Amino acid sequence: MIVHPIPPLYDENSRILILGSFPSVKSREQSFFYGHPQNRFWRVIAAVLGEAGPATIDEKRAMILGHNLAIWDVIASCEIEGSADSTIRGVTPNDLSPILNAAAIERIYVNGRTAEKYYKKYTEPALGRPAVCLPSTSPANAAWNLERLVEAWKVIIE
């Protein structure tokens, strides 16, 4: 069983919550979200926000908070082989109440089908709040190139 090692990124000004499934090996090593260089999350978010791609964790944190976003993951702990979402089992969901109690979250998005699956199974019934599924920024989602991802993800700022 692996316990999620990264605290949620949000503040009282956060309005949009983006949830992944569970951090990759690289993200767990860095103790920050979307740490694998092949994951397109940071390039997509920067393009959607009209910013230069952040290079450091501090720059990533500043970009997210500076645009009233929040990021975390649906899963608090699970069994997983490497970083493969397809191997996830024994899921315990994250409690989103600290974020939802501190910030007036208007919309919730999930990054990919795995996050959507576990959100619908555990989180949505508990919160009564649906989430919109966006195409995964993972390199495993090869059907979506960067340009298509950016177009789809623009919904977060509309």
N, C-alpha and C. Protein backbone atom coordinates (compact mmCIF):
# COMPACT_ATOMS: atom_id res chain seq x y z
N MET A 1 0.86 -1.19 0.00
CA MET A 1 0.00 0.00 0.00
C MET A 1 0.89 1.24 0.00
N ILE A 2 0.63 2.14 -0.93
CA ILE A 2 1.38 3.39 -1.02
C ILE A 2 0.45 4.53 -0.61
N VAL A 3 0.92 5.36 0.31
CA VAL A 3 0.14 6.50 0.77
C VAL A 3 0.57 7.73 -0.02
N HIS A 4 -0.40 8.51 -0.45
CA HIS A 4 -0.16 9.74 -1.22
C HIS A 4 0.76 10.66 -0.41
N PRO A 5 1.93 11.02 -0.94
CA PRO A 5 2.88 11.81 -0.16
C PRO A 5 2.82 13.33 -0.37
N ILE A 6 1.93 13.78 -1.24
CA ILE A 6 1.94 15.20 -1.63
C ILE A 6 0.70 15.89 -1.07
N PRO A 7 0.87 16.98 -0.33
CA PRO A 7 -0.31 17.70 0.16
C PRO A 7 -1.03 18.42 -0.99
N PRO A 8 -2.31 18.70 -0.83
CA PRO A 8 -3.03 19.43 -1.88
C PRO A 8 -2.45 20.83 -2.04
N LEU A 9 -2.55 21.35 -3.26
CA LEU A 9 -2.10 22.71 -3.55
C LEU A 9 -3.33 23.58 -3.77
N TYR A 10 -3.58 24.48 -2.83
CA TYR A 10 -4.73 25.38 -2.92
C TYR A 10 -4.53 26.51 -1.92
N ASP A 11 -5.34 27.54 -2.05
CA ASP A 11 -5.45 28.56 -1.01
C ASP A 11 -6.89 29.06 -0.99
N GLU A 12 -7.17 30.03 -0.18
CA GLU A 12 -8.55 30.50 -0.02
C GLU A 12 -9.10 31.14 -1.29
N ASN A 13 -8.24 31.49 -2.25
CA ASN A 13 -8.69 32.10 -3.50
C ASN A 13 -8.95 31.08 -4.61
N SER A 14 -8.65 29.82 -4.36
CA SER A 14 -8.84 28.79 -5.39
C SER A 14 -10.32 28.66 -5.73
N ARG A 15 -10.62 28.58 -7.03
CA ARG A 15 -11.99 28.46 -7.52
C ARG A 15 -12.20 27.20 -8.37
N ILE A 16 -11.13 26.71 -8.97
CA ILE A 16 -11.19 25.55 -9.86
C ILE A 16 -10.29 24.47 -9.27
N LEU A 17 -10.85 23.28 -9.08
CA LEU A 17 -10.09 22.15 -8.53
C LEU A 17 -9.85 21.13 -9.63
N ILE A 18 -8.59 20.76 -9.84
CA ILE A 18 -8.20 19.76 -10.82
C ILE A 18 -7.65 18.55 -10.07
N LEU A 19 -8.24 17.40 -10.31
CA LEU A 19 -7.84 16.19 -9.61
C LEU A 19 -7.27 15.15 -10.58
N GLY A 20 -6.08 14.66 -10.25
CA GLY A 20 -5.53 13.52 -10.96
C GLY A 20 -5.95 12.25 -10.25
N SER A 21 -5.37 11.13 -10.65
CA SER A 21 -5.70 9.86 -9.99
C SER A 21 -4.79 9.64 -8.78
N PHE A 22 -3.50 9.38 -9.04
CA PHE A 22 -2.51 9.11 -7.99
C PHE A 22 -1.15 9.47 -8.56
N PRO A 23 -0.23 10.01 -7.74
CA PRO A 23 1.05 10.48 -8.28
C PRO A 23 1.91 9.35 -8.84
N SER A 24 2.57 9.66 -9.94
CA SER A 24 3.51 8.72 -10.55
C SER A 24 4.74 8.53 -9.65
N VAL A 25 5.56 7.57 -9.99
CA VAL A 25 6.81 7.35 -9.26
C VAL A 25 7.63 8.64 -9.25
N LYS A 26 7.78 9.28 -10.41
CA LYS A 26 8.56 10.52 -10.49
C LYS A 26 7.95 11.62 -9.63
N SER A 27 6.64 11.74 -9.65
CA SER A 27 5.98 12.76 -8.82
C SER A 27 6.21 12.48 -7.34
N ARG A 28 6.13 11.20 -6.95
CA ARG A 28 6.36 10.84 -5.55
C ARG A 28 7.80 11.14 -5.16
N GLU A 29 8.74 10.90 -6.07
CA GLU A 29 10.16 11.21 -5.79
C GLU A 29 10.36 12.71 -5.59
N GLN A 30 9.68 13.52 -6.40
CA GLN A 30 9.83 14.98 -6.33
C GLN A 30 8.94 15.61 -5.26
N SER A 31 8.00 14.83 -4.73
CA SER A 31 6.99 15.34 -3.80
C SER A 31 6.22 16.51 -4.40
N PHE A 32 5.92 16.40 -5.70
CA PHE A 32 5.09 17.42 -6.35
C PHE A 32 4.39 16.81 -7.56
N PHE A 33 3.30 17.45 -7.94
CA PHE A 33 2.41 16.93 -8.97
C PHE A 33 3.02 16.93 -10.37
N TYR A 34 2.66 15.90 -11.12
CA TYR A 34 3.03 15.79 -12.54
C TYR A 34 4.53 15.98 -12.75
N GLY A 35 5.29 15.17 -12.02
CA GLY A 35 6.74 15.29 -12.04
C GLY A 35 7.43 14.60 -13.20
N HIS A 36 6.72 13.71 -13.90
CA HIS A 36 7.36 13.02 -15.02
C HIS A 36 7.48 13.99 -16.19
N PRO A 37 8.69 14.13 -16.77
CA PRO A 37 8.88 15.11 -17.85
C PRO A 37 8.01 14.84 -19.08
N GLN A 38 7.56 13.60 -19.27
CA GLN A 38 6.72 13.29 -20.42
C GLN A 38 5.24 13.62 -20.18
N ASN A 39 4.86 13.85 -18.92
CA ASN A 39 3.48 14.24 -18.67
C ASN A 39 3.31 15.68 -19.14
N ARG A 40 2.25 15.93 -19.86
CA ARG A 40 2.05 17.24 -20.51
C ARG A 40 1.26 18.23 -19.67
N PHE A 41 0.96 17.88 -18.42
CA PHE A 41 0.12 18.74 -17.58
C PHE A 41 0.63 20.18 -17.54
N TRP A 42 1.90 20.36 -17.21
CA TRP A 42 2.42 21.73 -17.03
C TRP A 42 2.45 22.50 -18.34
N ARG A 43 2.74 21.83 -19.46
CA ARG A 43 2.72 22.51 -20.76
C ARG A 43 1.29 22.90 -21.13
N VAL A 44 0.33 22.02 -20.86
CA VAL A 44 -1.07 22.30 -21.17
C VAL A 44 -1.57 23.47 -20.32
N ILE A 45 -1.35 23.41 -19.02
CA ILE A 45 -1.82 24.47 -18.12
C ILE A 45 -1.19 25.81 -18.49
N ALA A 46 0.11 25.82 -18.75
CA ALA A 46 0.78 27.07 -19.12
C ALA A 46 0.18 27.64 -20.41
N ALA A 47 -0.06 26.79 -21.40
CA ALA A 47 -0.64 27.26 -22.67
C ALA A 47 -2.05 27.80 -22.46
N VAL A 48 -2.86 27.09 -21.69
CA VAL A 48 -4.23 27.53 -21.41
C VAL A 48 -4.22 28.88 -20.70
N LEU A 49 -3.29 29.07 -19.78
CA LEU A 49 -3.22 30.31 -19.00
C LEU A 49 -2.44 31.42 -19.71
N GLY A 50 -1.83 31.11 -20.86
CA GLY A 50 -1.05 32.10 -21.60
C GLY A 50 0.24 32.47 -20.91
N GLU A 51 0.84 31.49 -20.24
CA GLU A 51 2.08 31.73 -19.50
C GLU A 51 3.22 30.89 -20.08
N ALA A 52 4.44 31.28 -19.74
CA ALA A 52 5.60 30.46 -20.08
C ALA A 52 5.56 29.20 -19.22
N GLY A 53 6.06 28.12 -19.75
CA GLY A 53 6.07 26.87 -19.00
C GLY A 53 6.92 27.00 -17.74
N PRO A 54 6.37 26.62 -16.59
CA PRO A 54 7.13 26.73 -15.34
C PRO A 54 8.23 25.66 -15.28
N ALA A 55 9.38 26.04 -14.76
CA ALA A 55 10.52 25.11 -14.71
C ALA A 55 10.70 24.50 -13.32
N THR A 56 10.42 25.28 -12.29
CA THR A 56 10.68 24.81 -10.93
C THR A 56 9.36 24.54 -10.20
N ILE A 57 9.44 23.83 -9.11
CA ILE A 57 8.26 23.58 -8.29
C ILE A 57 7.68 24.90 -7.79
N ASP A 58 8.53 25.83 -7.39
CA ASP A 58 8.04 27.13 -6.92
C ASP A 58 7.27 27.86 -8.02
N GLU A 59 7.78 27.78 -9.28
CA GLU A 59 7.09 28.42 -10.40
C GLU A 59 5.76 27.74 -10.68
N LYS A 60 5.74 26.42 -10.57
CA LYS A 60 4.48 25.67 -10.78
C LYS A 60 3.46 26.05 -9.72
N ARG A 61 3.90 26.08 -8.46
CA ARG A 61 3.02 26.44 -7.35
C ARG A 61 2.46 27.86 -7.56
N ALA A 62 3.33 28.79 -7.93
CA ALA A 62 2.91 30.18 -8.13
C ALA A 62 1.91 30.30 -9.27
N MET A 63 2.13 29.55 -10.35
CA MET A 63 1.21 29.61 -11.50
C MET A 63 -0.17 29.09 -11.11
N ILE A 64 -0.22 27.97 -10.41
CA ILE A 64 -1.51 27.39 -10.01
C ILE A 64 -2.26 28.36 -9.08
N LEU A 65 -1.60 28.79 -8.03
CA LEU A 65 -2.26 29.67 -7.06
C LEU A 65 -2.56 31.04 -7.64
N GLY A 66 -1.68 31.53 -8.52
CA GLY A 66 -1.86 32.84 -9.14
C GLY A 66 -3.07 32.91 -10.06
N HIS A 67 -3.57 31.75 -10.47
CA HIS A 67 -4.74 31.70 -11.35
C HIS A 67 -5.96 31.08 -10.65
N ASN A 68 -5.94 31.09 -9.33
CA ASN A 68 -7.07 30.61 -8.51
C ASN A 68 -7.41 29.15 -8.78
N LEU A 69 -6.39 28.36 -9.08
CA LEU A 69 -6.57 26.94 -9.28
C LEU A 69 -6.16 26.17 -8.03
N ALA A 70 -6.56 24.92 -7.97
CA ALA A 70 -6.13 24.00 -6.92
C ALA A 70 -5.88 22.66 -7.59
N ILE A 71 -4.88 21.92 -7.11
CA ILE A 71 -4.66 20.59 -7.65
C ILE A 71 -4.42 19.59 -6.52
N TRP A 72 -4.93 18.39 -6.75
CA TRP A 72 -4.71 17.26 -5.86
C TRP A 72 -5.06 16.00 -6.62
N ASP A 73 -5.27 14.93 -5.91
CA ASP A 73 -5.60 13.66 -6.55
C ASP A 73 -6.80 13.04 -5.85
N VAL A 74 -7.50 12.17 -6.58
CA VAL A 74 -8.68 11.50 -6.04
C VAL A 74 -8.30 10.46 -4.98
N ILE A 75 -7.16 9.80 -5.18
CA ILE A 75 -6.78 8.65 -4.35
C ILE A 75 -5.79 9.04 -3.26
N ALA A 76 -6.11 8.65 -2.02
CA ALA A 76 -5.24 8.90 -0.87
C ALA A 76 -4.20 7.80 -0.70
N SER A 77 -4.60 6.56 -0.97
CA SER A 77 -3.67 5.44 -0.88
C SER A 77 -4.19 4.31 -1.76
N CYS A 78 -3.26 3.48 -2.24
CA CYS A 78 -3.65 2.36 -3.08
C CYS A 78 -2.44 1.45 -3.26
N GLU A 79 -2.70 0.33 -3.87
CA GLU A 79 -1.63 -0.52 -4.36
C GLU A 79 -1.49 -0.18 -5.84
N ILE A 80 -0.25 0.00 -6.28
CA ILE A 80 0.00 0.35 -7.68
C ILE A 80 1.37 -0.19 -8.07
N GLU A 81 1.47 -0.68 -9.29
CA GLU A 81 2.76 -1.14 -9.81
C GLU A 81 3.37 -0.02 -10.63
N GLY A 82 4.49 0.50 -10.15
CA GLY A 82 5.13 1.62 -10.83
C GLY A 82 4.21 2.82 -10.85
N SER A 83 3.92 3.30 -12.09
CA SER A 83 3.04 4.45 -12.26
C SER A 83 1.80 4.08 -13.07
N ALA A 84 1.58 2.80 -13.31
CA ALA A 84 0.51 2.35 -14.21
C ALA A 84 -0.87 2.41 -13.54
N ASP A 85 -1.70 3.35 -14.00
CA ASP A 85 -3.06 3.48 -13.47
C ASP A 85 -3.83 2.17 -13.58
N SER A 86 -3.54 1.39 -14.61
CA SER A 86 -4.27 0.13 -14.83
C SER A 86 -4.04 -0.89 -13.72
N THR A 87 -3.01 -0.68 -12.89
CA THR A 87 -2.70 -1.62 -11.81
C THR A 87 -3.24 -1.18 -10.45
N ILE A 88 -3.92 -0.03 -10.41
CA ILE A 88 -4.43 0.50 -9.15
C ILE A 88 -5.49 -0.43 -8.56
N ARG A 89 -5.33 -0.73 -7.27
CA ARG A 89 -6.36 -1.49 -6.53
C ARG A 89 -6.24 -1.13 -5.04
N GLY A 90 -7.25 -1.53 -4.27
CA GLY A 90 -7.24 -1.24 -2.84
C GLY A 90 -7.28 0.25 -2.56
N VAL A 91 -8.16 0.96 -3.25
CA VAL A 91 -8.20 2.42 -3.19
C VAL A 91 -8.85 2.94 -1.91
N THR A 92 -8.21 3.94 -1.31
CA THR A 92 -8.81 4.79 -0.29
C THR A 92 -8.85 6.19 -0.89
N PRO A 93 -10.03 6.82 -0.97
CA PRO A 93 -10.10 8.15 -1.58
C PRO A 93 -9.59 9.26 -0.66
N ASN A 94 -9.13 10.35 -1.27
CA ASN A 94 -8.76 11.54 -0.51
C ASN A 94 -10.02 12.23 0.00
N ASP A 95 -9.91 12.86 1.15
CA ASP A 95 -10.97 13.68 1.71
C ASP A 95 -10.76 15.10 1.18
N LEU A 96 -11.68 15.56 0.34
CA LEU A 96 -11.53 16.88 -0.26
C LEU A 96 -12.04 18.01 0.63
N SER A 97 -12.61 17.66 1.78
CA SER A 97 -13.22 18.70 2.62
C SER A 97 -12.27 19.82 3.05
N PRO A 98 -10.97 19.55 3.32
CA PRO A 98 -10.11 20.69 3.67
C PRO A 98 -10.07 21.75 2.57
N ILE A 99 -10.03 21.32 1.31
CA ILE A 99 -10.03 22.27 0.19
C ILE A 99 -11.39 22.95 0.08
N LEU A 100 -12.44 22.16 0.11
CA LEU A 100 -13.79 22.69 -0.10
C LEU A 100 -14.24 23.59 1.06
N ASN A 101 -13.70 23.36 2.24
CA ASN A 101 -14.02 24.22 3.39
C ASN A 101 -13.24 25.52 3.38
N ALA A 102 -12.06 25.51 2.76
CA ALA A 102 -11.20 26.70 2.77
C ALA A 102 -11.42 27.61 1.57
N ALA A 103 -11.85 27.03 0.46
CA ALA A 103 -11.97 27.80 -0.78
C ALA A 103 -13.36 27.61 -1.38
N ALA A 104 -13.83 28.63 -2.09
CA ALA A 104 -15.14 28.56 -2.74
C ALA A 104 -14.97 27.91 -4.12
N ILE A 105 -14.77 26.61 -4.12
CA ILE A 105 -14.55 25.88 -5.38
C ILE A 105 -15.83 25.89 -6.19
N GLU A 106 -15.73 26.42 -7.42
CA GLU A 106 -16.89 26.54 -8.30
C GLU A 106 -17.03 25.34 -9.22
N ARG A 107 -15.89 24.80 -9.68
CA ARG A 107 -15.93 23.67 -10.61
C ARG A 107 -14.82 22.69 -10.28
N ILE A 108 -15.11 21.42 -10.53
CA ILE A 108 -14.14 20.35 -10.30
C ILE A 108 -13.93 19.62 -11.62
N TYR A 109 -12.66 19.43 -11.96
CA TYR A 109 -12.27 18.69 -13.16
C TYR A 109 -11.39 17.52 -12.76
N VAL A 110 -11.48 16.44 -13.51
CA VAL A 110 -10.59 15.30 -13.30
C VAL A 110 -9.74 15.12 -14.55
N ASN A 111 -8.48 14.78 -14.33
CA ASN A 111 -7.50 14.62 -15.40
C ASN A 111 -7.48 13.15 -15.83
N GLY A 112 -8.37 12.82 -16.78
CA GLY A 112 -8.36 11.49 -17.36
C GLY A 112 -9.39 10.54 -16.78
N ARG A 113 -9.54 9.40 -17.46
CA ARG A 113 -10.59 8.43 -17.14
C ARG A 113 -10.37 7.71 -15.81
N THR A 114 -9.12 7.47 -15.43
CA THR A 114 -8.89 6.79 -14.15
C THR A 114 -9.33 7.68 -13.00
N ALA A 115 -8.96 8.95 -13.04
CA ALA A 115 -9.40 9.89 -12.02
C ALA A 115 -10.93 9.97 -12.01
N GLU A 116 -11.53 9.98 -13.20
CA GLU A 116 -12.98 10.03 -13.29
C GLU A 116 -13.62 8.79 -12.66
N LYS A 117 -13.07 7.63 -12.96
CA LYS A 117 -13.61 6.37 -12.44
C LYS A 117 -13.67 6.38 -10.91
N TYR A 118 -12.56 6.75 -10.27
CA TYR A 118 -12.52 6.73 -8.81
C TYR A 118 -13.27 7.90 -8.19
N TYR A 119 -13.31 9.04 -8.90
CA TYR A 119 -14.12 10.17 -8.41
C TYR A 119 -15.59 9.76 -8.37
N LYS A 120 -16.07 9.17 -9.48
CA LYS A 120 -17.49 8.76 -9.55
C LYS A 120 -17.81 7.68 -8.52
N LYS A 121 -16.86 6.79 -8.27
CA LYS A 121 -17.09 5.68 -7.35
C LYS A 121 -17.12 6.14 -5.89
N TYR A 122 -16.17 7.00 -5.50
CA TYR A 122 -16.00 7.35 -4.09
C TYR A 122 -16.38 8.79 -3.74
N THR A 123 -15.92 9.73 -4.53
CA THR A 123 -15.99 11.13 -4.14
C THR A 123 -17.33 11.78 -4.45
N GLU A 124 -17.81 11.56 -5.67
CA GLU A 124 -19.08 12.19 -6.06
C GLU A 124 -20.23 11.76 -5.15
N PRO A 125 -20.36 10.48 -4.81
CA PRO A 125 -21.45 10.10 -3.89
C PRO A 125 -21.33 10.79 -2.52
N ALA A 126 -20.11 10.97 -2.04
CA ALA A 126 -19.89 11.60 -0.74
C ALA A 126 -20.17 13.10 -0.78
N LEU A 127 -19.76 13.76 -1.87
CA LEU A 127 -19.90 15.21 -1.97
C LEU A 127 -21.20 15.65 -2.63
N GLY A 128 -21.73 14.80 -3.50
CA GLY A 128 -22.88 15.20 -4.30
C GLY A 128 -22.53 16.24 -5.34
N ARG A 129 -21.25 16.28 -5.71
CA ARG A 129 -20.80 17.26 -6.71
C ARG A 129 -20.15 16.52 -7.87
N PRO A 130 -20.66 16.71 -9.08
CA PRO A 130 -20.05 16.05 -10.23
C PRO A 130 -18.74 16.73 -10.62
N ALA A 131 -17.93 16.00 -11.35
CA ALA A 131 -16.69 16.55 -11.90
C ALA A 131 -16.73 16.35 -13.42
N VAL A 132 -16.12 17.27 -14.13
CA VAL A 132 -16.00 17.16 -15.58
C VAL A 132 -14.69 16.46 -15.90
N CYS A 133 -14.76 15.45 -16.75
CA CYS A 133 -13.56 14.71 -17.13
C CYS A 133 -12.88 15.37 -18.33
N LEU A 134 -11.61 15.71 -18.16
CA LEU A 134 -10.79 16.24 -19.25
C LEU A 134 -9.86 15.13 -19.74
N PRO A 135 -9.43 15.19 -20.99
CA PRO A 135 -8.52 14.15 -21.49
C PRO A 135 -7.21 14.16 -20.72
N SER A 136 -6.72 12.97 -20.44
CA SER A 136 -5.51 12.82 -19.64
C SER A 136 -4.30 13.47 -20.30
N THR A 137 -3.49 14.12 -19.48
CA THR A 137 -2.23 14.71 -19.95
C THR A 137 -1.09 13.70 -19.93
N SER A 138 -1.38 12.49 -19.49
CA SER A 138 -0.38 11.43 -19.42
C SER A 138 0.16 11.08 -20.80
N PRO A 139 1.45 10.73 -20.90
CA PRO A 139 1.97 10.29 -22.19
C PRO A 139 1.29 9.00 -22.68
N ALA A 140 0.66 8.27 -21.77
CA ALA A 140 -0.08 7.06 -22.18
C ALA A 140 -1.28 7.41 -23.07
N ASN A 141 -1.75 8.65 -22.99
CA ASN A 141 -2.86 9.11 -23.82
C ASN A 141 -2.31 9.66 -25.13
N ALA A 142 -1.71 8.79 -25.92
CA ALA A 142 -1.02 9.19 -27.15
C ALA A 142 -1.97 9.68 -28.24
N ALA A 143 -3.24 9.34 -28.13
CA ALA A 143 -4.21 9.77 -29.14
C ALA A 143 -4.43 11.29 -29.13
N TRP A 144 -4.08 11.91 -28.02
CA TRP A 144 -4.26 13.36 -27.89
C TRP A 144 -2.92 14.05 -27.95
N ASN A 145 -2.71 14.87 -29.00
CA ASN A 145 -1.47 15.65 -29.06
C ASN A 145 -1.62 16.90 -28.20
N LEU A 146 -0.54 17.63 -28.04
CA LEU A 146 -0.53 18.80 -27.16
C LEU A 146 -1.59 19.82 -27.57
N GLU A 147 -1.72 20.08 -28.87
CA GLU A 147 -2.67 21.08 -29.34
C GLU A 147 -4.11 20.70 -28.99
N ARG A 148 -4.46 19.43 -29.19
CA ARG A 148 -5.82 18.97 -28.85
C ARG A 148 -6.06 19.06 -27.35
N LEU A 149 -5.05 18.70 -26.57
CA LEU A 149 -5.19 18.80 -25.11
C LEU A 149 -5.44 20.24 -24.68
N VAL A 150 -4.66 21.16 -25.21
CA VAL A 150 -4.81 22.58 -24.86
C VAL A 150 -6.22 23.06 -25.19
N GLU A 151 -6.72 22.71 -26.37
CA GLU A 151 -8.08 23.11 -26.76
C GLU A 151 -9.11 22.57 -25.76
N ALA A 152 -9.00 21.29 -25.42
CA ALA A 152 -9.96 20.68 -24.51
C ALA A 152 -9.88 21.27 -23.11
N TRP A 153 -8.66 21.57 -22.66
CA TRP A 153 -8.45 22.07 -21.30
C TRP A 153 -8.80 23.55 -21.15
N LYS A 154 -9.02 24.27 -22.25
CA LYS A 154 -9.38 25.69 -22.15
C LYS A 154 -10.67 25.91 -21.37
N VAL A 155 -11.48 24.86 -21.24
CA VAL A 155 -12.73 24.96 -20.51
C VAL A 155 -12.50 25.41 -19.05
N ILE A 156 -11.31 25.14 -18.51
CA ILE A 156 -11.08 25.51 -17.10
C ILE A 156 -11.04 27.02 -16.88
N ILE A 157 -10.80 27.79 -17.94
CA ILE A 157 -10.72 29.26 -17.76
C ILE A 157 -11.93 29.97 -18.36
N GLU A 158 -12.87 29.20 -18.89
CA GLU A 158 -14.04 29.86 -19.53
C GLU A 158 -15.10 30.21 -18.52
